[in-house]
Amino acid sequence: MQFVSHSVEDTQELAHRMAQAAQPGDVILLVGDLGAGKTHFTQGFASGLHTPDVPTSPTFNLVCEYQGGRLPLYHFDLYRLEDASQLDDIDYWGITEGDGVSLVEWGDKFPEAADEACLTLDFAVALDGTRTIVAASATERGEALVAAATA
């Protein structure tokens, strides 16, 4: 499935709808270059969970936790990790298998991290600023999230 976003608001609305179908243990990989819209997607997702805080780019944090919404939201940024063994250091497995939803930026960097995902969203930016978001579902849960976004 492919989504086209013409604005920050389009990206956030897509994520908002998807979040309404989210369940504990969902892991969504956010793949794409810097500035492709991954953090804006996360902000819309948090809004869809009714999280009171607005997520920012986790560039200087490996994982940010947002509580107070329908489900806890965990926002990972694996960009600064050098090898998969560091996933243990940030309790990646414990968090992603826990009580919330995990959005993982640069989640394709380590196949071990990608194995946990129910959905991968690949963000690309065209010269005119339009974003294309390609959704690749790995499970029934991923398909349910995509279906919610298209409803």
Protein backbone atom coordinates (compact mmCIF):
# COMPACT_ATOMS: atom_id res chain seq x y z
CA MET A 1 0.00 0.00 0.00
CA GLN A 2 1.23 3.47 -0.81
CA PHE A 3 0.14 6.73 0.77
CA VAL A 4 0.86 10.21 -0.59
CA SER A 5 1.20 13.14 1.78
CA HIS A 6 1.13 16.70 0.51
CA SER A 7 1.68 18.29 3.94
CA VAL A 8 2.68 17.74 7.53
CA GLU A 9 -1.03 17.64 8.36
CA ASP A 10 -1.63 14.84 5.82
CA THR A 11 1.15 12.78 7.39
CA GLN A 12 -0.15 13.41 10.90
CA GLU A 13 -3.73 12.53 9.92
CA LEU A 14 -2.61 9.24 8.40
CA ALA A 15 -0.77 8.39 11.61
CA HIS A 16 -3.70 9.53 13.77
CA ARG A 17 -6.05 7.09 12.02
CA MET A 18 -3.52 4.29 12.28
CA ALA A 19 -3.02 4.87 16.00
CA GLN A 20 -6.70 4.40 16.68
CA ALA A 21 -6.28 0.72 15.73
CA ALA A 22 -3.01 0.22 17.60
CA GLN A 23 -2.69 -2.54 20.18
CA PRO A 24 -0.09 -3.35 22.83
CA GLY A 25 2.99 -4.93 21.31
CA ASP A 26 2.62 -3.32 17.87
CA VAL A 27 6.02 -2.41 16.44
CA ILE A 28 6.15 -0.09 13.43
CA LEU A 29 9.43 0.62 11.65
CA LEU A 30 9.83 4.13 10.24
CA VAL A 31 12.35 4.11 7.42
CA GLY A 32 13.58 7.04 5.35
CA ASP A 33 16.12 9.80 5.07
CA LEU A 34 16.44 12.69 7.50
CA GLY A 35 13.55 15.11 7.01
CA ALA A 36 11.30 12.54 5.34
CA GLY A 37 8.46 12.92 7.85
CA LYS A 38 9.08 10.19 10.41
CA THR A 39 8.82 12.51 13.42
CA HIS A 40 5.70 14.22 12.03
CA PHE A 41 4.19 10.76 11.65
CA THR A 42 5.07 10.01 15.28
CA GLN A 43 3.39 13.25 16.39
CA GLY A 44 0.19 12.29 14.59
CA PHE A 45 0.36 8.80 16.05
CA ALA A 46 0.70 10.22 19.56
CA SER A 47 -2.32 12.43 18.88
CA GLY A 48 -4.31 9.37 17.81
CA LEU A 49 -3.41 7.69 21.11
CA HIS A 50 -4.45 10.89 22.97
CA THR A 51 -0.95 11.24 24.39
CA PRO A 52 -0.71 14.59 26.19
CA ASP A 53 2.90 15.29 25.13
CA VAL A 54 3.99 16.10 21.58
CA PRO A 55 6.93 13.92 20.52
CA THR A 56 10.05 15.54 19.17
CA SER A 57 12.85 13.97 17.19
CA PRO A 58 14.62 11.47 19.44
CA THR A 59 17.96 12.11 17.72
CA PHE A 60 19.83 12.64 20.98
CA ASN A 61 17.82 10.00 22.85
CA LEU A 62 17.73 6.40 21.78
CA VAL A 63 14.21 5.91 23.12
CA CYS A 64 11.57 8.35 24.34
CA GLU A 65 8.56 7.19 26.35
CA TYR A 66 5.19 8.95 26.22
CA GLN A 67 2.60 8.00 28.83
CA GLY A 68 -0.91 9.22 29.53
CA GLY A 69 -2.60 8.16 26.31
CA ARG A 70 -4.71 5.14 25.46
CA LEU A 71 -1.46 3.14 25.25
CA PRO A 72 2.14 3.98 26.12
CA LEU A 73 4.12 5.11 23.09
CA TYR A 74 7.81 4.28 22.72
CA HIS A 75 9.71 6.24 20.08
CA PHE A 76 13.07 4.69 19.21
CA ASP A 77 15.86 6.17 17.10
CA LEU A 78 18.42 3.51 16.18
CA TYR A 79 20.50 5.82 13.97
CA ARG A 80 23.30 6.27 16.52
CA LEU A 81 23.64 2.57 17.38
CA GLU A 82 26.64 0.87 15.86
CA ASP A 83 25.70 -2.79 16.21
CA ALA A 84 22.75 -4.96 17.13
CA SER A 85 24.19 -5.89 20.53
CA GLN A 86 23.38 -2.34 21.65
CA LEU A 87 19.67 -3.14 21.34
CA ASP A 88 20.04 -5.03 24.62
CA ASP A 89 21.51 -1.92 26.25
CA ILE A 90 18.32 0.05 25.57
CA ASP A 91 16.01 -2.87 26.52
CA TYR A 92 14.64 -2.93 22.97
CA TRP A 93 13.15 -6.41 23.35
CA GLY A 94 11.58 -5.76 26.74
CA ILE A 95 9.99 -2.53 25.56
CA THR A 96 8.74 -3.74 22.18
CA GLU A 97 7.19 -6.84 23.71
CA GLY A 98 5.55 -4.81 26.47
CA ASP A 99 2.39 -2.86 27.08
CA GLY A 100 2.66 -0.16 24.46
CA VAL A 101 3.24 0.67 20.81
CA SER A 102 6.76 1.14 19.49
CA LEU A 103 7.65 3.40 16.58
CA VAL A 104 11.22 2.67 15.52
CA GLU A 105 13.10 5.18 13.38
CA TRP A 106 15.93 3.62 11.39
CA GLY A 107 14.51 0.24 12.37
CA ASP A 108 15.78 -1.33 9.18
CA LYS A 109 19.35 -0.79 10.33
CA PHE A 110 19.38 -4.12 12.20
CA PRO A 111 17.52 -7.19 10.89
CA GLU A 112 17.09 -8.36 14.50
CA ALA A 113 15.04 -5.24 15.28
CA ALA A 114 13.04 -5.54 12.09
CA ASP A 115 11.98 -9.08 12.96
CA GLU A 116 9.71 -7.70 15.69
CA ALA A 117 7.81 -5.36 13.36
CA CYS A 118 4.24 -5.84 12.22
CA LEU A 119 4.56 -2.98 9.74
CA THR A 120 7.29 -1.06 7.94
CA LEU A 121 6.63 2.45 6.64
CA ASP A 122 9.17 3.71 4.11
CA PHE A 123 9.15 7.51 3.72
CA ALA A 124 10.49 9.25 0.60
CA VAL A 125 10.43 12.92 -0.37
CA ALA A 126 9.92 14.07 -3.96
CA LEU A 127 11.48 17.24 -5.36
CA ASP A 128 8.15 19.07 -4.93
CA GLY A 129 8.07 18.18 -1.21
CA THR A 130 5.41 15.51 -1.54
CA ARG A 131 6.01 12.52 0.69
CA THR A 132 5.36 8.97 -0.40
CA ILE A 133 4.88 6.48 2.40
CA VAL A 134 5.02 2.83 1.34
CA ALA A 135 3.51 0.43 3.85
CA ALA A 136 4.78 -3.15 3.94
CA SER A 137 2.80 -5.31 6.31
CA ALA A 138 4.45 -8.36 7.82
CA THR A 139 1.50 -9.59 9.89
CA GLU A 140 -2.27 -9.43 10.28
CA ARG A 141 -1.71 -6.67 12.84
CA GLY A 142 0.16 -4.64 10.25
CA GLU A 143 -2.66 -5.15 7.77
CA ALA A 144 -5.17 -3.95 10.38
CA LEU A 145 -3.13 -0.78 10.94
CA VAL A 146 -2.99 -0.08 7.21
CA ALA A 147 -6.73 -0.73 6.90
CA ALA A 148 -7.42 1.74 9.71
CA ALA A 149 -5.35 4.37 7.91
CA THR A 150 -7.36 3.97 4.73
CA ALA A 151 -10.77 4.04 6.43
